[in-house]
Amino acid sequence: MILTTKAFNDGAIRPYIVKKEGKKQSEGNFSIYLYSKQVDVDSFKYSVLKFDGEVAWFRNRKLATDYARYRLALDPIPVYS
């Protein structure tokens, strides 16, 4: 997946994308694409999250989003007093 630099720099694009795939899997059918590297001056590249060479599947969008935010350390750690 390739997106424009302007969209990324304006904050319109998150460093991850949760996508519903057409294939039905027993594990779920949502996958996560993470920002991987800059391809050229005008675009950025995203690659699918894999575990042991297989695509990581999630049952619903919320689980996928929560895992992406956890993996990228975007959510603050709750502090209990």
PDB file of N, CA and C in Angstrom:
ATOM      1  N   MET A   1       0.840  -1.169   0.000  1.00  0.00           N
ATOM      2  CA  MET A   1       0.000   0.000   0.000  1.00  0.00           C
ATOM      3  C   MET A   1       0.886   1.234   0.000  1.00  0.00           C
ATOM      4  N   ILE A   2       0.614   2.174  -0.857  1.00  0.00           N
ATOM      5  CA  ILE A   2       1.420   3.389  -0.932  1.00  0.00           C
ATOM      6  C   ILE A   2       0.511   4.601  -0.778  1.00  0.00           C
ATOM      7  N   LEU A   3       0.892   5.539   0.092  1.00  0.00           N
ATOM      8  CA  LEU A   3       0.133   6.754   0.334  1.00  0.00           C
ATOM      9  C   LEU A   3       1.037   7.964   0.141  1.00  0.00           C
ATOM     10  N   THR A   4       0.441   9.124  -0.062  1.00  0.00           N
ATOM     11  CA  THR A   4       1.222  10.317  -0.387  1.00  0.00           C
ATOM     12  C   THR A   4       1.902  10.924   0.841  1.00  0.00           C
ATOM     13  N   THR A   5       2.985  11.631   0.601  1.00  0.00           N
ATOM     14  CA  THR A   5       3.725  12.312   1.653  1.00  0.00           C
ATOM     15  C   THR A   5       2.877  13.391   2.313  1.00  0.00           C
ATOM     16  N   LYS A   6       2.118  14.136   1.519  1.00  0.00           N
ATOM     17  CA  LYS A   6       1.293  15.221   2.048  1.00  0.00           C
ATOM     18  C   LYS A   6       0.277  14.689   3.060  1.00  0.00           C
ATOM     19  N   ALA A   7      -0.389  13.604   2.739  1.00  0.00           N
ATOM     20  CA  ALA A   7      -1.369  13.022   3.651  1.00  0.00           C
ATOM     21  C   ALA A   7      -0.696  12.538   4.934  1.00  0.00           C
ATOM     22  N   PHE A   8       0.477  11.973   4.827  1.00  0.00           N
ATOM     23  CA  PHE A   8       1.211  11.478   6.000  1.00  0.00           C
ATOM     24  C   PHE A   8       1.659  12.641   6.873  1.00  0.00           C
ATOM     25  N   ASN A   9       2.234  13.678   6.277  1.00  0.00           N
ATOM     26  CA  ASN A   9       2.749  14.817   7.037  1.00  0.00           C
ATOM     27  C   ASN A   9       1.645  15.669   7.637  1.00  0.00           C
ATOM     28  N   ASP A  10       0.473  15.724   7.015  1.00  0.00           N
ATOM     29  CA  ASP A  10      -0.648  16.500   7.544  1.00  0.00           C
ATOM     30  C   ASP A  10      -1.316  15.814   8.726  1.00  0.00           C
ATOM     31  N   GLY A  11      -0.899  14.601   9.031  1.00  0.00           N
ATOM     32  CA  GLY A  11      -1.492  13.864  10.137  1.00  0.00           C
ATOM     33  C   GLY A  11      -2.793  13.181   9.768  1.00  0.00           C
ATOM     34  N   ALA A  12      -3.131  13.199   8.505  1.00  0.00           N
ATOM     35  CA  ALA A  12      -4.358  12.549   8.050  1.00  0.00           C
ATOM     36  C   ALA A  12      -4.185  11.043   8.001  1.00  0.00           C
ATOM     37  N   ILE A  13      -2.952  10.585   7.966  1.00  0.00           N
ATOM     38  CA  ILE A  13      -2.665   9.159   7.866  1.00  0.00           C
ATOM     39  C   ILE A  13      -1.997   8.687   9.151  1.00  0.00           C
ATOM     40  N   ARG A  14      -2.527   7.616   9.717  1.00  0.00           N
ATOM     41  CA  ARG A  14      -1.901   7.011  10.896  1.00  0.00           C
ATOM     42  C   ARG A  14      -0.715   6.154  10.448  1.00  0.00           C
ATOM     43  N   PRO A  15       0.180   5.818  11.371  1.00  0.00           N
ATOM     44  CA  PRO A  15       1.315   4.954  11.001  1.00  0.00           C
ATOM     45  C   PRO A  15       0.905   3.490  10.824  1.00  0.00           C
ATOM     46  N   TYR A  16      -0.395   3.216  10.857  1.00  0.00           N
ATOM     47  CA  TYR A  16      -0.898   1.867  10.608  1.00  0.00           C
ATOM     48  C   TYR A  16      -2.244   1.961   9.895  1.00  0.00           C
ATOM     49  N   ILE A  17      -2.613   0.898   9.236  1.00  0.00           N
ATOM     50  CA  ILE A  17      -3.905   0.812   8.565  1.00  0.00           C
ATOM     51  C   ILE A  17      -4.507  -0.540   8.920  1.00  0.00           C
ATOM     52  N   VAL A  18      -5.751  -0.542   9.373  1.00  0.00           N
ATOM     53  CA  VAL A  18      -6.475  -1.784   9.625  1.00  0.00           C
ATOM     54  C   VAL A  18      -7.372  -2.017   8.419  1.00  0.00           C
ATOM     55  N   LYS A  19      -7.231  -3.180   7.806  1.00  0.00           N
ATOM     56  CA  LYS A  19      -7.949  -3.458   6.569  1.00  0.00           C
ATOM     57  C   LYS A  19      -8.732  -4.764   6.689  1.00  0.00           C
ATOM     58  N   LYS A  20      -9.983  -4.725   6.241  1.00  0.00           N
ATOM     59  CA  LYS A  20     -10.791  -5.945   6.215  1.00  0.00           C
ATOM     60  C   LYS A  20     -10.503  -6.656   4.900  1.00  0.00           C
ATOM     61  N   GLU A  21     -10.008  -7.876   5.007  1.00  0.00           N
ATOM     62  CA  GLU A  21      -9.665  -8.659   3.828  1.00  0.00           C
ATOM     63  C   GLU A  21     -10.887  -9.446   3.373  1.00  0.00           C
ATOM     64  N   GLY A  22     -10.943  -9.762   2.096  1.00  0.00           N
ATOM     65  CA  GLY A  22     -12.066 -10.496   1.543  1.00  0.00           C
ATOM     66  C   GLY A  22     -12.085 -11.954   1.919  1.00  0.00           C
ATOM     67  N   LYS A  23     -10.920 -12.496   2.285  1.00  0.00           N
ATOM     68  CA  LYS A  23     -10.826 -13.914   2.619  1.00  0.00           C
ATOM     69  C   LYS A  23     -11.332 -14.167   4.035  1.00  0.00           C
ATOM     70  N   LYS A  24     -12.160 -15.170   4.202  1.00  0.00           N
ATOM     71  CA  LYS A  24     -12.611 -15.573   5.534  1.00  0.00           C
ATOM     72  C   LYS A  24     -11.578 -16.524   6.122  1.00  0.00           C
ATOM     73  N   GLN A  25     -11.085 -16.196   7.290  1.00  0.00           N
ATOM     74  CA  GLN A  25     -10.119 -17.031   8.007  1.00  0.00           C
ATOM     75  C   GLN A  25     -10.743 -17.447   9.327  1.00  0.00           C
ATOM     76  N   SER A  26     -10.363 -18.571   9.851  1.00  0.00           N
ATOM     77  CA  SER A  26     -10.895 -18.996  11.151  1.00  0.00           C
ATOM     78  C   SER A  26     -10.420 -18.060  12.270  1.00  0.00           C
ATOM     79  N   GLU A  27      -9.237 -17.457  12.090  1.00  0.00           N
ATOM     80  CA  GLU A  27      -8.694 -16.540  13.094  1.00  0.00           C
ATOM     81  C   GLU A  27      -9.348 -15.161  13.013  1.00  0.00           C
ATOM     82  N   GLY A  28      -9.924 -14.807  11.884  1.00  0.00           N
ATOM     83  CA  GLY A  28     -10.521 -13.501  11.652  1.00  0.00           C
ATOM     84  C   GLY A  28     -10.173 -13.036  10.256  1.00  0.00           C
ATOM     85  N   ASN A  29     -10.694 -11.873   9.850  1.00  0.00           N
ATOM     86  CA  ASN A  29     -10.386 -11.403   8.506  1.00  0.00           C
ATOM     87  C   ASN A  29      -9.925  -9.945   8.472  1.00  0.00           C
ATOM     88  N   PHE A  30      -9.398  -9.433   9.588  1.00  0.00           N
ATOM     89  CA  PHE A  30      -8.810  -8.096   9.617  1.00  0.00           C
ATOM     90  C   PHE A  30      -7.294  -8.229   9.706  1.00  0.00           C
ATOM     91  N   SER A  31      -6.587  -7.420   8.926  1.00  0.00           N
ATOM     92  CA  SER A  31      -5.130  -7.425   8.966  1.00  0.00           C
ATOM     93  C   SER A  31      -4.632  -6.011   9.226  1.00  0.00           C
ATOM     94  N   ILE A  32      -3.379  -5.907   9.645  1.00  0.00           N
ATOM     95  CA  ILE A  32      -2.766  -4.611   9.971  1.00  0.00           C
ATOM     96  C   ILE A  32      -1.623  -4.348   9.003  1.00  0.00           C
ATOM     97  N   TYR A  33      -1.609  -3.145   8.441  1.00  0.00           N
ATOM     98  CA  TYR A  33      -0.494  -2.694   7.614  1.00  0.00           C
ATOM     99  C   TYR A  33       0.240  -1.616   8.396  1.00  0.00           C
ATOM    100  N   LEU A  34       1.543  -1.806   8.595  1.00  0.00           N
ATOM    101  CA  LEU A  34       2.366  -0.854   9.337  1.00  0.00           C
ATOM    102  C   LEU A  34       3.280  -0.097   8.384  1.00  0.00           C
ATOM    103  N   TYR A  35       3.552   1.165   8.710  1.00  0.00           N
ATOM    104  CA  TYR A  35       4.485   1.974   7.932  1.00  0.00           C
ATOM    105  C   TYR A  35       5.832   1.283   7.939  1.00  0.00           C
ATOM    106  N   SER A  36       6.437   1.087   6.778  1.00  0.00           N
ATOM    107  CA  SER A  36       7.706   0.364   6.744  1.00  0.00           C
ATOM    108  C   SER A  36       8.889   1.239   6.383  1.00  0.00           C
ATOM    109  N   LYS A  37       8.805   1.979   5.282  1.00  0.00           N
ATOM    110  CA  LYS A  37       9.936   2.822   4.898  1.00  0.00           C
ATOM    111  C   LYS A  37       9.505   3.790   3.804  1.00  0.00           C
ATOM    112  N   GLN A  38      10.310   4.803   3.587  1.00  0.00           N
ATOM    113  CA  GLN A  38      10.020   5.753   2.519  1.00  0.00           C
ATOM    114  C   GLN A  38      10.480   5.149   1.198  1.00  0.00           C
ATOM    115  N   VAL A  39       9.590   5.118   0.238  1.00  0.00           N
ATOM    116  CA  VAL A  39       9.906   4.535  -1.061  1.00  0.00           C
ATOM    117  C   VAL A  39      10.586   5.563  -1.952  1.00  0.00           C
ATOM    118  N   ASP A  40       9.994   6.730  -2.068  1.00  0.00           N
ATOM    119  CA  ASP A  40      10.599   7.831  -2.826  1.00  0.00           C
ATOM    120  C   ASP A  40      10.136   9.136  -2.197  1.00  0.00           C
ATOM    121  N   VAL A  41      10.395  10.240  -2.842  1.00  0.00           N
ATOM    122  CA  VAL A  41      10.108  11.548  -2.264  1.00  0.00           C
ATOM    123  C   VAL A  41       8.609  11.774  -2.049  1.00  0.00           C
ATOM    124  N   ASP A  42       7.772  11.231  -2.903  1.00  0.00           N
ATOM    125  CA  ASP A  42       6.349  11.534  -2.851  1.00  0.00           C
ATOM    126  C   ASP A  42       5.461  10.466  -2.220  1.00  0.00           C
ATOM    127  N   SER A  43       5.995   9.361  -1.760  1.00  0.00           N
ATOM    128  CA  SER A  43       5.112   8.335  -1.207  1.00  0.00           C
ATOM    129  C   SER A  43       5.787   7.535  -0.104  1.00  0.00           C
ATOM    130  N   PHE A  44       4.963   6.901   0.709  1.00  0.00           N
ATOM    131  CA  PHE A  44       5.417   6.051   1.795  1.00  0.00           C
ATOM    132  C   PHE A  44       4.871   4.649   1.578  1.00  0.00           C
ATOM    133  N   LYS A  45       5.516   3.650   2.138  1.00  0.00           N
ATOM    134  CA  LYS A  45       5.106   2.269   1.928  1.00  0.00           C
ATOM    135  C   LYS A  45       4.642   1.636   3.240  1.00  0.00           C
ATOM    136  N   TYR A  46       3.584   0.858   3.158  1.00  0.00           N
ATOM    137  CA  TYR A  46       3.073   0.100   4.293  1.00  0.00           C
ATOM    138  C   TYR A  46       3.203  -1.376   3.960  1.00  0.00           C
ATOM    139  N   SER A  47       3.496  -2.195   4.967  1.00  0.00           N
ATOM    140  CA  SER A  47       3.570  -3.633   4.741  1.00  0.00           C
ATOM    141  C   SER A  47       2.732  -4.348   5.796  1.00  0.00           C
ATOM    142  N   VAL A  48       2.213  -5.498   5.424  1.00  0.00           N
ATOM    143  CA  VAL A  48       1.316  -6.244   6.304  1.00  0.00           C
ATOM    144  C   VAL A  48       2.092  -6.862   7.469  1.00  0.00           C
ATOM    145  N   LEU A  49       1.475  -6.880   8.639  1.00  0.00           N
ATOM    146  CA  LEU A  49       2.069  -7.479   9.832  1.00  0.00           C
ATOM    147  C   LEU A  49       1.999  -8.996   9.707  1.00  0.00           C
ATOM    148  N   LYS A  50       3.145  -9.652   9.927  1.00  0.00           N
ATOM    149  CA  LYS A  50       3.204 -11.109   9.829  1.00  0.00           C
ATOM    150  C   LYS A  50       3.844 -11.690  11.073  1.00  0.00           C
ATOM    151  N   PHE A  51       3.394 -12.885  11.448  1.00  0.00           N
ATOM    152  CA  PHE A  51       4.004 -13.663  12.522  1.00  0.00           C
ATOM    153  C   PHE A  51       4.450 -14.985  11.918  1.00  0.00           C
ATOM    154  N   ASP A  52       5.714 -15.326  12.065  1.00  0.00           N
ATOM    155  CA  ASP A  52       6.271 -16.567  11.513  1.00  0.00           C
ATOM    156  C   ASP A  52       5.974 -16.728  10.029  1.00  0.00           C
ATOM    157  N   GLY A  53       6.025 -15.629   9.286  1.00  0.00           N
ATOM    158  CA  GLY A  53       5.821 -15.673   7.845  1.00  0.00           C
ATOM    159  C   GLY A  53       4.370 -15.709   7.402  1.00  0.00           C
ATOM    160  N   GLU A  54       3.422 -15.771   8.340  1.00  0.00           N
ATOM    161  CA  GLU A  54       1.992 -15.797   8.020  1.00  0.00           C
ATOM    162  C   GLU A  54       1.367 -14.464   8.409  1.00  0.00           C
ATOM    163  N   VAL A  55       0.368 -14.044   7.667  1.00  0.00           N
ATOM    164  CA  VAL A  55      -0.331 -12.796   7.967  1.00  0.00           C
ATOM    165  C   VAL A  55      -1.006 -12.909   9.326  1.00  0.00           C
ATOM    166  N   ALA A  56      -0.891 -11.859  10.142  1.00  0.00           N
ATOM    167  CA  ALA A  56      -1.544 -11.813  11.447  1.00  0.00           C
ATOM    168  C   ALA A  56      -3.009 -11.441  11.244  1.00  0.00           C
ATOM    169  N   TRP A  57      -3.919 -12.309  11.641  1.00  0.00           N
ATOM    170  CA  TRP A  57      -5.356 -12.078  11.480  1.00  0.00           C
ATOM    171  C   TRP A  57      -5.979 -11.712  12.815  1.00  0.00           C
ATOM    172  N   PHE A  58      -6.989 -10.855  12.780  1.00  0.00           N
ATOM    173  CA  PHE A  58      -7.711 -10.434  13.978  1.00  0.00           C
ATOM    174  C   PHE A  58      -9.205 -10.579  13.730  1.00  0.00           C
ATOM    175  N   ARG A  59      -9.947 -10.903  14.781  1.00  0.00           N
ATOM    176  CA  ARG A  59     -11.380 -11.179  14.642  1.00  0.00           C
ATOM    177  C   ARG A  59     -12.208  -9.935  14.320  1.00  0.00           C
ATOM    178  N   ASN A  60     -11.832  -8.778  14.868  1.00  0.00           N
ATOM    179  CA  ASN A  60     -12.587  -7.560  14.566  1.00  0.00           C
ATOM    180  C   ASN A  60     -11.648  -6.361  14.483  1.00  0.00           C
ATOM    181  N   ARG A  61     -12.190  -5.253  13.995  1.00  0.00           N
ATOM    182  CA  ARG A  61     -11.401  -4.044  13.767  1.00  0.00           C
ATOM    183  C   ARG A  61     -10.833  -3.486  15.069  1.00  0.00           C
ATOM    184  N   LYS A  62     -11.613  -3.530  16.158  1.00  0.00           N
ATOM    185  CA  LYS A  62     -11.146  -2.985  17.432  1.00  0.00           C
ATOM    186  C   LYS A  62      -9.924  -3.746  17.947  1.00  0.00           C
ATOM    187  N   LEU A  63      -9.939  -5.075  17.885  1.00  0.00           N
ATOM    188  CA  LEU A  63      -8.780  -5.857  18.318  1.00  0.00           C
ATOM    189  C   LEU A  63      -7.548  -5.524  17.479  1.00  0.00           C
ATOM    190  N   ALA A  64      -7.736  -5.388  16.175  1.00  0.00           N
ATOM    191  CA  ALA A  64      -6.616  -5.057  15.291  1.00  0.00           C
ATOM    192  C   ALA A  64      -6.072  -3.665  15.598  1.00  0.00           C
ATOM    193  N   THR A  65      -6.965  -2.700  15.789  1.00  0.00           N
ATOM    194  CA  THR A  65      -6.545  -1.333  16.101  1.00  0.00           C
ATOM    195  C   THR A  65      -5.818  -1.282  17.442  1.00  0.00           C
ATOM    196  N   ASP A  66      -6.370  -1.962  18.440  1.00  0.00           N
ATOM    197  CA  ASP A  66      -5.726  -1.981  19.761  1.00  0.00           C
ATOM    198  C   ASP A  66      -4.329  -2.590  19.674  1.00  0.00           C
ATOM    199  N   TYR A  67      -4.190  -3.682  18.926  1.00  0.00           N
ATOM    200  CA  TYR A  67      -2.878  -4.311  18.811  1.00  0.00           C
ATOM    201  C   TYR A  67      -1.894  -3.415  18.063  1.00  0.00           C
ATOM    202  N   ALA A  68      -2.342  -2.750  17.002  1.00  0.00           N
ATOM    203  CA  ALA A  68      -1.462  -1.848  16.245  1.00  0.00           C
ATOM    204  C   ALA A  68      -0.986  -0.701  17.132  1.00  0.00           C
ATOM    205  N   ARG A  69      -1.899  -0.118  17.914  1.00  0.00           N
ATOM    206  CA  ARG A  69      -1.527   0.977  18.811  1.00  0.00           C
ATOM    207  C   ARG A  69      -0.572   0.490  19.898  1.00  0.00           C
ATOM    208  N   TYR A  70      -0.797  -0.744  20.406  1.00  0.00           N
ATOM    209  CA  TYR A  70       0.101  -1.324  21.402  1.00  0.00           C
ATOM    210  C   TYR A  70       1.480  -1.563  20.792  1.00  0.00           C
ATOM    211  N   ARG A  71       1.508  -2.134  19.611  1.00  0.00           N
ATOM    212  CA  ARG A  71       2.774  -2.476  18.943  1.00  0.00           C
ATOM    213  C   ARG A  71       3.608  -1.226  18.651  1.00  0.00           C
ATOM    214  N   LEU A  72       2.936  -0.125  18.306  1.00  0.00           N
ATOM    215  CA  LEU A  72       3.637   1.115  17.984  1.00  0.00           C
ATOM    216  C   LEU A  72       3.813   2.028  19.203  1.00  0.00           C
ATOM    217  N   ALA A  73       3.351   1.579  20.362  1.00  0.00           N
ATOM    218  CA  ALA A  73       3.453   2.340  21.615  1.00  0.00           C
ATOM    219  C   ALA A  73       2.785   3.708  21.503  1.00  0.00           C
ATOM    220  N   LEU A  74       1.599   3.740  20.906  1.00  0.00           N
ATOM    221  CA  LEU A  74       0.859   4.990  20.762  1.00  0.00           C
ATOM    222  C   LEU A  74      -0.046   5.276  21.945  1.00  0.00           C
ATOM    223  N   ASP A  75      -0.426   4.239  22.692  1.00  0.00           N
ATOM    224  CA  ASP A  75      -1.275   4.429  23.861  1.00  0.00           C
ATOM    225  C   ASP A  75      -0.415   4.558  25.102  1.00  0.00           C
ATOM    226  N   PRO A  76      -0.738   5.521  25.962  1.00  0.00           N
ATOM    227  CA  PRO A  76       0.041   5.668  27.191  1.00  0.00           C
ATOM    228  C   PRO A  76      -0.239   4.486  28.128  1.00  0.00           C
ATOM    229  N   ILE A  77       0.739   4.168  28.944  1.00  0.00           N
ATOM    230  CA  ILE A  77       0.586   3.093  29.913  1.00  0.00           C
ATOM    231  C   ILE A  77      -0.224   3.649  31.079  1.00  0.00           C
ATOM    232  N   PRO A  78      -1.322   2.967  31.486  1.00  0.00           N
ATOM    233  CA  PRO A  78      -2.122   3.483  32.603  1.00  0.00           C
ATOM    234  C   PRO A  78      -1.318   3.472  33.907  1.00  0.00           C
ATOM    235  N   VAL A  79      -1.463   4.528  34.669  1.00  0.00           N
ATOM    236  CA  VAL A  79      -0.762   4.645  35.942  1.00  0.00           C
ATOM    237  C   VAL A  79      -1.782   4.512  37.050  1.00  0.00           C
ATOM    238  N   TYR A  80      -1.564   3.558  37.926  1.00  0.00           N
ATOM    239  CA  TYR A  80      -2.484   3.337  39.047  1.00  0.00           C
ATOM    240  C   TYR A  80      -1.843   3.845  40.325  1.00  0.00           C
ATOM    241  N   SER A  81      -2.644   4.546  41.112  1.00  0.00           N
ATOM    242  CA  SER A  81      -2.092   5.067  42.367  1.00  0.00           C
ATOM    243  C   SER A  81      -2.844   4.531  43.562  1.00  0.00           C
TER     244      SER A  81
END
